[in-house]
Amino acid sequence: MKRKMGIFFVILFGLSSLFFSGCELLGLQDGHVTVLLTNAGSAPGDYLYVFIYAEGETDVDNEDKVLATSYGYISSGTADVLLAETDGNVLPNKTTWIGNGGTTYDIYIYTSDSSNSPDSYAPSQKKEPFPGTVRIDGNIEITVDYATMVPYTPVP
């Protein structure tokens, strides 16, 4: 009986190890997210803002729900940002955010003419769909053509 229990625990341990490392076995790797904005010559001096939340998060006004963020100045028609962990007040800190391999997140990408705190700006253009999604499998680069962005209209 003890031998059967020992074999059972070995099998159980082996299966749990497979479950927790399944993403690696499937080739899905943790990674960071970079967003590159192009063709934004008509938005000089505006800012590119990017926020990542858990997939399906609806409480997007709660800064505790923001998983990663970044913003960058649009210059010469382009901007690029590497998402960072938040500082607790919706601003990026200096630590690159690493998403879990195989996990899908909601991502909000938009521009604004304001460099103020993200909770006091007025978005002007947004990338559709809004939010979009990003699935992590190694480092991800998302390129957004400003010409494809649409005017941001607040939801009442």
N, C-alpha and C. Protein backbone atom coordinates (compact mmCIF):
# COMPACT_ATOMS: atom_id res chain seq x y z
N MET A 1 0.82 -1.19 0.00
CA MET A 1 0.00 0.00 0.00
C MET A 1 0.87 1.26 0.00
N LYS A 2 1.95 1.24 0.82
CA LYS A 2 2.84 2.41 0.87
C LYS A 2 3.49 2.62 -0.49
N ARG A 3 3.83 1.55 -1.16
CA ARG A 3 4.47 1.66 -2.47
C ARG A 3 3.51 2.30 -3.47
N LYS A 4 2.23 1.91 -3.44
CA LYS A 4 1.24 2.48 -4.34
C LYS A 4 1.05 3.97 -4.07
N MET A 5 1.03 4.34 -2.77
CA MET A 5 0.89 5.76 -2.42
C MET A 5 2.10 6.55 -2.90
N GLY A 6 3.28 5.95 -2.78
CA GLY A 6 4.50 6.62 -3.25
C GLY A 6 4.46 6.85 -4.75
N ILE A 7 4.04 5.83 -5.48
CA ILE A 7 3.93 5.96 -6.94
C ILE A 7 2.87 7.01 -7.29
N PHE A 8 1.76 7.01 -6.55
CA PHE A 8 0.70 7.99 -6.78
C PHE A 8 1.24 9.41 -6.61
N PHE A 9 2.01 9.66 -5.54
CA PHE A 9 2.55 10.99 -5.30
C PHE A 9 3.59 11.38 -6.35
N VAL A 10 4.36 10.43 -6.82
CA VAL A 10 5.34 10.71 -7.87
C VAL A 10 4.61 11.12 -9.14
N ILE A 11 3.55 10.38 -9.48
CA ILE A 11 2.77 10.71 -10.67
C ILE A 11 2.09 12.06 -10.50
N LEU A 12 1.50 12.29 -9.35
CA LEU A 12 0.82 13.56 -9.08
C LEU A 12 1.80 14.73 -9.17
N PHE A 13 2.97 14.57 -8.58
CA PHE A 13 3.99 15.61 -8.64
C PHE A 13 4.42 15.86 -10.09
N GLY A 14 4.60 14.79 -10.84
CA GLY A 14 5.00 14.92 -12.25
C GLY A 14 3.95 15.64 -13.07
N LEU A 15 2.68 15.31 -12.86
CA LEU A 15 1.61 15.96 -13.60
C LEU A 15 1.50 17.43 -13.22
N SER A 16 1.66 17.75 -11.94
CA SER A 16 1.58 19.15 -11.54
C SER A 16 2.75 19.94 -12.12
N SER A 17 3.91 19.33 -12.20
CA SER A 17 5.06 20.01 -12.81
C SER A 17 4.80 20.28 -14.28
N LEU A 18 4.19 19.33 -14.97
CA LEU A 18 3.84 19.54 -16.37
C LEU A 18 2.83 20.67 -16.52
N PHE A 19 1.85 20.70 -15.63
CA PHE A 19 0.83 21.74 -15.69
C PHE A 19 1.45 23.12 -15.52
N PHE A 20 2.29 23.28 -14.51
CA PHE A 20 2.85 24.60 -14.22
C PHE A 20 3.92 25.02 -15.21
N SER A 21 4.54 24.09 -15.90
CA SER A 21 5.53 24.47 -16.91
C SER A 21 5.00 24.23 -18.30
N GLY A 22 3.71 24.05 -18.43
CA GLY A 22 3.09 23.75 -19.72
C GLY A 22 3.37 24.79 -20.77
N CYS A 23 3.37 26.06 -20.41
CA CYS A 23 3.63 27.10 -21.39
C CYS A 23 5.02 26.94 -21.99
N GLU A 24 5.99 26.60 -21.15
CA GLU A 24 7.34 26.41 -21.67
C GLU A 24 7.39 25.19 -22.58
N LEU A 25 6.67 24.13 -22.23
CA LEU A 25 6.65 22.94 -23.07
C LEU A 25 5.99 23.23 -24.41
N LEU A 26 5.02 24.12 -24.42
CA LEU A 26 4.34 24.49 -25.65
C LEU A 26 5.13 25.53 -26.44
N GLY A 27 6.23 25.99 -25.90
CA GLY A 27 7.05 26.97 -26.58
C GLY A 27 6.62 28.41 -26.34
N LEU A 28 5.67 28.63 -25.44
CA LEU A 28 5.23 29.99 -25.14
C LEU A 28 6.13 30.57 -24.06
N GLN A 29 6.65 31.75 -24.32
CA GLN A 29 7.62 32.33 -23.40
C GLN A 29 7.14 33.67 -22.86
N ASP A 30 7.56 34.01 -21.65
CA ASP A 30 7.30 35.31 -21.08
C ASP A 30 7.94 36.37 -21.97
N GLY A 31 7.44 37.59 -21.93
CA GLY A 31 8.04 38.62 -22.74
C GLY A 31 7.49 39.99 -22.43
N HIS A 32 8.17 41.00 -22.98
CA HIS A 32 7.74 42.38 -22.81
C HIS A 32 6.98 42.84 -24.06
N VAL A 33 6.37 44.02 -23.95
CA VAL A 33 5.59 44.56 -25.07
C VAL A 33 6.12 45.95 -25.42
N THR A 34 6.39 46.16 -26.70
CA THR A 34 6.79 47.45 -27.23
C THR A 34 5.74 47.89 -28.23
N VAL A 35 5.34 49.16 -28.19
CA VAL A 35 4.39 49.70 -29.16
C VAL A 35 5.10 50.79 -29.95
N LEU A 36 5.02 50.68 -31.27
CA LEU A 36 5.63 51.65 -32.18
C LEU A 36 4.51 52.34 -32.95
N LEU A 37 4.45 53.66 -32.86
CA LEU A 37 3.48 54.46 -33.59
C LEU A 37 4.19 55.06 -34.80
N THR A 38 3.59 54.89 -35.98
CA THR A 38 4.17 55.42 -37.21
C THR A 38 3.17 56.35 -37.89
N ASN A 39 3.66 57.09 -38.89
CA ASN A 39 2.81 57.90 -39.76
C ASN A 39 2.01 58.95 -38.96
N ALA A 40 2.59 59.48 -37.89
CA ALA A 40 1.88 60.43 -37.02
C ALA A 40 2.37 61.86 -37.24
N GLY A 41 2.68 62.20 -38.48
CA GLY A 41 3.15 63.55 -38.78
C GLY A 41 2.14 64.64 -38.45
N SER A 42 0.86 64.27 -38.43
CA SER A 42 -0.17 65.27 -38.12
C SER A 42 -0.41 65.41 -36.62
N ALA A 43 0.40 64.73 -35.81
CA ALA A 43 0.23 64.80 -34.35
C ALA A 43 1.53 65.18 -33.64
N PRO A 44 2.27 66.15 -34.19
CA PRO A 44 3.51 66.50 -33.51
C PRO A 44 3.23 67.11 -32.14
N GLY A 45 4.00 66.70 -31.18
CA GLY A 45 3.83 67.22 -29.83
C GLY A 45 2.79 66.49 -29.01
N ASP A 46 2.03 65.58 -29.63
CA ASP A 46 1.09 64.75 -28.88
C ASP A 46 1.86 63.62 -28.20
N TYR A 47 1.15 62.85 -27.41
CA TYR A 47 1.76 61.73 -26.69
C TYR A 47 1.04 60.43 -27.03
N LEU A 48 1.80 59.35 -27.08
CA LEU A 48 1.26 58.01 -27.23
C LEU A 48 1.15 57.41 -25.84
N TYR A 49 -0.05 56.91 -25.49
CA TYR A 49 -0.29 56.26 -24.20
C TYR A 49 -0.67 54.81 -24.44
N VAL A 50 -0.16 53.91 -23.59
CA VAL A 50 -0.49 52.49 -23.67
C VAL A 50 -0.69 51.95 -22.26
N PHE A 51 -1.78 51.20 -22.07
CA PHE A 51 -2.09 50.57 -20.79
C PHE A 51 -2.43 49.11 -21.02
N ILE A 52 -1.98 48.25 -20.12
CA ILE A 52 -2.34 46.82 -20.17
C ILE A 52 -3.06 46.45 -18.89
N TYR A 53 -4.15 45.71 -19.08
CA TYR A 53 -4.98 45.18 -17.98
C TYR A 53 -5.14 43.68 -18.18
N ALA A 54 -5.61 43.01 -17.14
CA ALA A 54 -5.98 41.60 -17.29
C ALA A 54 -7.08 41.51 -18.34
N GLU A 55 -7.10 40.42 -19.08
CA GLU A 55 -8.12 40.24 -20.11
C GLU A 55 -9.52 40.30 -19.49
N GLY A 56 -10.38 41.11 -20.09
CA GLY A 56 -11.75 41.22 -19.61
C GLY A 56 -11.94 42.16 -18.44
N GLU A 57 -10.90 42.85 -18.01
CA GLU A 57 -11.02 43.77 -16.87
C GLU A 57 -11.99 44.90 -17.23
N THR A 58 -12.96 45.14 -16.38
CA THR A 58 -13.94 46.19 -16.63
C THR A 58 -13.75 47.41 -15.74
N ASP A 59 -12.98 47.27 -14.68
CA ASP A 59 -12.77 48.37 -13.75
C ASP A 59 -11.52 49.16 -14.15
N VAL A 60 -11.55 49.72 -15.37
CA VAL A 60 -10.36 50.38 -15.91
C VAL A 60 -10.10 51.76 -15.31
N ASP A 61 -11.03 52.26 -14.51
CA ASP A 61 -10.79 53.53 -13.82
C ASP A 61 -10.07 53.34 -12.49
N ASN A 62 -9.85 52.09 -12.12
CA ASN A 62 -9.16 51.77 -10.87
C ASN A 62 -7.68 51.58 -11.18
N GLU A 63 -6.85 52.50 -10.70
CA GLU A 63 -5.41 52.43 -11.03
C GLU A 63 -4.74 51.16 -10.52
N ASP A 64 -5.32 50.51 -9.52
CA ASP A 64 -4.75 49.25 -9.03
C ASP A 64 -4.89 48.12 -10.05
N LYS A 65 -5.75 48.29 -11.04
CA LYS A 65 -5.99 47.25 -12.05
C LYS A 65 -5.02 47.34 -13.22
N VAL A 66 -4.29 48.45 -13.33
CA VAL A 66 -3.34 48.62 -14.43
C VAL A 66 -2.13 47.71 -14.16
N LEU A 67 -1.83 46.83 -15.12
CA LEU A 67 -0.69 45.93 -14.97
C LEU A 67 0.60 46.54 -15.52
N ALA A 68 0.46 47.28 -16.62
CA ALA A 68 1.63 47.89 -17.26
C ALA A 68 1.20 49.15 -17.98
N THR A 69 2.14 50.07 -18.14
CA THR A 69 1.83 51.33 -18.80
C THR A 69 3.10 51.94 -19.37
N SER A 70 2.89 52.86 -20.29
CA SER A 70 3.99 53.69 -20.77
C SER A 70 3.41 54.80 -21.64
N TYR A 71 4.18 55.83 -21.82
CA TYR A 71 3.79 56.89 -22.73
C TYR A 71 5.05 57.49 -23.33
N GLY A 72 4.89 58.07 -24.52
CA GLY A 72 6.03 58.67 -25.19
C GLY A 72 5.62 59.84 -26.05
N TYR A 73 6.51 60.76 -26.23
CA TYR A 73 6.32 61.96 -27.02
C TYR A 73 6.38 61.62 -28.51
N ILE A 74 5.42 62.13 -29.28
CA ILE A 74 5.42 61.89 -30.72
C ILE A 74 6.30 62.95 -31.38
N SER A 75 7.35 62.49 -32.02
CA SER A 75 8.32 63.37 -32.65
C SER A 75 8.65 62.83 -34.04
N SER A 76 8.70 63.72 -35.01
CA SER A 76 9.00 63.33 -36.39
C SER A 76 8.06 62.23 -36.88
N GLY A 77 6.83 62.25 -36.41
CA GLY A 77 5.82 61.31 -36.89
C GLY A 77 5.85 59.94 -36.26
N THR A 78 6.71 59.75 -35.25
CA THR A 78 6.78 58.43 -34.62
C THR A 78 6.91 58.54 -33.10
N ALA A 79 6.61 57.46 -32.46
CA ALA A 79 6.85 57.31 -31.02
C ALA A 79 6.95 55.82 -30.76
N ASP A 80 7.78 55.45 -29.81
CA ASP A 80 7.82 54.05 -29.41
C ASP A 80 7.97 53.98 -27.91
N VAL A 81 7.26 53.01 -27.32
CA VAL A 81 7.28 52.85 -25.88
C VAL A 81 7.45 51.38 -25.53
N LEU A 82 8.20 51.14 -24.48
CA LEU A 82 8.37 49.81 -23.89
C LEU A 82 7.56 49.83 -22.60
N LEU A 83 6.61 48.92 -22.47
CA LEU A 83 5.75 48.95 -21.30
C LEU A 83 6.52 48.60 -20.03
N ALA A 84 6.17 49.33 -18.97
CA ALA A 84 6.83 49.17 -17.68
C ALA A 84 5.78 48.86 -16.62
N GLU A 85 6.27 48.36 -15.50
CA GLU A 85 5.38 48.19 -14.35
C GLU A 85 4.95 49.58 -13.90
N THR A 86 3.81 49.66 -13.22
CA THR A 86 3.33 50.97 -12.78
C THR A 86 3.98 51.36 -11.46
N ASP A 87 3.96 52.66 -11.20
CA ASP A 87 4.51 53.18 -9.95
C ASP A 87 3.47 53.23 -8.85
N GLY A 88 2.29 52.68 -9.11
CA GLY A 88 1.20 52.71 -8.15
C GLY A 88 0.24 53.86 -8.39
N ASN A 89 0.62 54.76 -9.29
CA ASN A 89 -0.23 55.91 -9.64
C ASN A 89 -0.43 55.98 -11.15
N VAL A 90 -0.45 54.87 -11.81
CA VAL A 90 -0.70 54.73 -13.25
C VAL A 90 0.43 55.25 -14.13
N LEU A 91 1.54 55.64 -13.56
CA LEU A 91 2.69 56.06 -14.36
C LEU A 91 3.71 54.93 -14.38
N PRO A 92 4.51 54.86 -15.46
CA PRO A 92 5.51 53.79 -15.52
C PRO A 92 6.65 54.02 -14.54
N ASN A 93 7.14 52.90 -13.96
CA ASN A 93 8.36 53.02 -13.18
C ASN A 93 9.51 52.59 -14.11
N LYS A 94 10.65 52.32 -13.60
CA LYS A 94 11.80 52.01 -14.45
C LYS A 94 11.99 50.52 -14.69
N THR A 95 11.03 49.69 -14.24
CA THR A 95 11.15 48.24 -14.40
C THR A 95 10.30 47.78 -15.58
N THR A 96 10.94 47.15 -16.55
CA THR A 96 10.22 46.62 -17.70
C THR A 96 9.20 45.59 -17.25
N TRP A 97 7.97 45.71 -17.74
CA TRP A 97 6.91 44.76 -17.42
C TRP A 97 7.12 43.50 -18.26
N ILE A 98 7.01 42.35 -17.62
CA ILE A 98 7.12 41.07 -18.31
C ILE A 98 5.79 40.34 -18.17
N GLY A 99 5.15 40.06 -19.31
CA GLY A 99 3.90 39.32 -19.31
C GLY A 99 4.16 37.82 -19.30
N ASN A 100 3.19 37.07 -18.80
CA ASN A 100 3.31 35.61 -18.72
C ASN A 100 3.05 34.97 -20.08
N GLY A 101 3.95 34.09 -20.48
CA GLY A 101 3.82 33.38 -21.75
C GLY A 101 2.49 32.65 -21.84
N GLY A 102 1.79 32.83 -22.97
CA GLY A 102 0.51 32.17 -23.18
C GLY A 102 -0.68 32.93 -22.64
N THR A 103 -0.45 34.04 -21.92
CA THR A 103 -1.54 34.81 -21.33
C THR A 103 -1.95 35.93 -22.29
N THR A 104 -3.26 36.16 -22.39
CA THR A 104 -3.79 37.25 -23.20
C THR A 104 -4.19 38.39 -22.28
N TYR A 105 -3.84 39.60 -22.68
CA TYR A 105 -4.13 40.80 -21.90
C TYR A 105 -4.91 41.79 -22.77
N ASP A 106 -5.69 42.67 -22.13
CA ASP A 106 -6.32 43.79 -22.83
C ASP A 106 -5.30 44.91 -22.93
N ILE A 107 -5.27 45.57 -24.09
CA ILE A 107 -4.34 46.67 -24.30
C ILE A 107 -5.08 47.87 -24.88
N TYR A 108 -4.87 49.01 -24.27
CA TYR A 108 -5.47 50.27 -24.73
C TYR A 108 -4.35 51.12 -25.32
N ILE A 109 -4.52 51.56 -26.56
CA ILE A 109 -3.52 52.36 -27.26
C ILE A 109 -4.21 53.62 -27.78
N TYR A 110 -3.71 54.79 -27.39
CA TYR A 110 -4.29 56.03 -27.88
C TYR A 110 -3.29 57.16 -27.78
N THR A 111 -3.67 58.29 -28.37
CA THR A 111 -2.85 59.49 -28.32
C THR A 111 -3.60 60.58 -27.58
N SER A 112 -2.85 61.57 -27.11
CA SER A 112 -3.45 62.72 -26.44
C SER A 112 -2.52 63.91 -26.62
N ASP A 113 -3.10 65.09 -26.58
CA ASP A 113 -2.27 66.29 -26.68
C ASP A 113 -1.82 66.76 -25.31
N SER A 114 -2.05 65.94 -24.30
CA SER A 114 -1.71 66.30 -22.93
C SER A 114 -0.62 65.39 -22.38
N SER A 115 0.30 65.99 -21.67
CA SER A 115 1.34 65.21 -20.99
C SER A 115 1.07 65.12 -19.51
N ASN A 116 -0.12 65.58 -19.10
CA ASN A 116 -0.48 65.55 -17.68
C ASN A 116 -0.68 64.11 -17.23
N SER A 117 -0.93 63.95 -15.96
CA SER A 117 -1.21 62.64 -15.40
C SER A 117 -2.29 61.96 -16.23
N PRO A 118 -2.14 60.68 -16.54
CA PRO A 118 -3.10 59.99 -17.40
C PRO A 118 -4.55 60.06 -16.93
N ASP A 119 -4.80 60.37 -15.67
CA ASP A 119 -6.19 60.45 -15.26
C ASP A 119 -6.78 61.85 -15.47
N SER A 120 -6.00 62.77 -16.05
CA SER A 120 -6.53 64.11 -16.30
C SER A 120 -6.38 64.53 -17.77
N TYR A 121 -6.03 63.63 -18.65
CA TYR A 121 -5.85 63.93 -20.06
C TYR A 121 -7.16 63.72 -20.81
N ALA A 122 -7.18 64.16 -22.04
CA ALA A 122 -8.32 63.93 -22.92
C ALA A 122 -7.80 63.20 -24.16
N PRO A 123 -8.04 61.88 -24.27
CA PRO A 123 -7.58 61.15 -25.45
C PRO A 123 -8.14 61.76 -26.72
N SER A 124 -7.35 61.77 -27.79
CA SER A 124 -7.83 62.33 -29.04
C SER A 124 -8.04 61.25 -30.10
N GLN A 125 -7.10 60.34 -30.26
CA GLN A 125 -7.21 59.25 -31.23
C GLN A 125 -7.02 57.92 -30.50
N LYS A 126 -7.66 56.87 -30.99
CA LYS A 126 -7.49 55.56 -30.38
C LYS A 126 -7.33 54.51 -31.46
N LYS A 127 -6.69 53.41 -31.09
CA LYS A 127 -6.54 52.28 -32.00
C LYS A 127 -7.73 51.35 -31.79
N GLU A 128 -8.41 51.00 -32.86
CA GLU A 128 -9.49 50.02 -32.79
C GLU A 128 -8.90 48.64 -33.03
N PRO A 129 -9.42 47.59 -32.42
CA PRO A 129 -10.46 47.65 -31.41
C PRO A 129 -9.93 48.25 -30.11
N PHE A 130 -10.83 48.76 -29.31
CA PHE A 130 -10.48 49.47 -28.07
C PHE A 130 -11.28 48.89 -26.93
N PRO A 131 -10.79 48.04 -26.10
CA PRO A 131 -9.38 47.64 -26.07
C PRO A 131 -9.10 46.54 -27.10
N GLY A 132 -7.84 46.44 -27.44
CA GLY A 132 -7.38 45.32 -28.23
C GLY A 132 -6.88 44.25 -27.27
N THR A 133 -6.31 43.20 -27.82
CA THR A 133 -5.70 42.17 -26.97
C THR A 133 -4.29 41.89 -27.47
N VAL A 134 -3.48 41.42 -26.55
CA VAL A 134 -2.13 40.99 -26.89
C VAL A 134 -1.88 39.67 -26.16
N ARG A 135 -1.41 38.68 -26.88
CA ARG A 135 -1.08 37.38 -26.28
C ARG A 135 0.44 37.27 -26.24
N ILE A 136 0.95 36.99 -25.07
CA ILE A 136 2.39 36.97 -24.87
C ILE A 136 2.98 35.63 -25.33
N ASP A 137 3.97 35.74 -26.19
CA ASP A 137 4.78 34.60 -26.61
C ASP A 137 6.15 35.17 -26.97
N GLY A 138 6.95 35.39 -25.95
CA GLY A 138 8.22 36.08 -26.14
C GLY A 138 7.97 37.58 -26.22
N ASN A 139 8.97 38.31 -26.64
CA ASN A 139 8.83 39.77 -26.74
C ASN A 139 7.93 40.12 -27.92
N ILE A 140 7.00 41.05 -27.69
CA ILE A 140 6.00 41.42 -28.68
C ILE A 140 6.22 42.87 -29.09
N GLU A 141 6.17 43.14 -30.39
CA GLU A 141 6.20 44.51 -30.89
C GLU A 141 4.92 44.75 -31.68
N ILE A 142 4.19 45.77 -31.30
CA ILE A 142 2.95 46.14 -31.97
C ILE A 142 3.21 47.44 -32.72
N THR A 143 2.98 47.43 -34.02
CA THR A 143 3.14 48.64 -34.82
C THR A 143 1.75 49.19 -35.13
N VAL A 144 1.55 50.47 -34.85
CA VAL A 144 0.27 51.13 -35.07
C VAL A 144 0.48 52.26 -36.07
N ASP A 145 -0.28 52.25 -37.15
CA ASP A 145 -0.25 53.33 -38.13
C ASP A 145 -1.25 54.40 -37.68
N TYR A 146 -0.76 55.58 -37.40
CA TYR A 146 -1.61 56.66 -36.90
C TYR A 146 -2.79 56.92 -37.84
N ALA A 147 -2.58 56.75 -39.14
CA ALA A 147 -3.64 57.01 -40.12
C ALA A 147 -4.83 56.07 -39.94
N THR A 148 -4.63 54.93 -39.26
CA THR A 148 -5.74 53.99 -39.06
C THR A 148 -6.46 54.22 -37.73
N MET A 149 -5.96 55.13 -36.93
CA MET A 149 -6.59 55.42 -35.64
C MET A 149 -7.85 56.25 -35.86
N VAL A 150 -8.79 56.14 -34.94
CA VAL A 150 -10.06 56.85 -35.07
C VAL A 150 -10.22 57.84 -33.92
N PRO A 151 -11.06 58.86 -34.10
CA PRO A 151 -11.27 59.81 -33.01
C PRO A 151 -11.83 59.12 -31.77
N TYR A 152 -11.34 59.53 -30.63
CA TYR A 152 -11.81 58.98 -29.35
C TYR A 152 -13.08 59.73 -28.95
N THR A 153 -14.13 58.98 -28.71
CA THR A 153 -15.38 59.55 -28.23
C THR A 153 -15.69 58.91 -26.90
N PRO A 154 -15.75 59.69 -25.82
CA PRO A 154 -16.02 59.11 -24.51
C PRO A 154 -17.37 58.39 -24.48
N VAL A 155 -17.41 57.29 -23.77
CA VAL A 155 -18.65 56.54 -23.58
C VAL A 155 -19.41 57.19 -22.42
N PRO A 156 -20.68 57.56 -22.66
CA PRO A 156 -21.43 58.23 -21.57
C PRO A 156 -21.69 57.32 -20.39
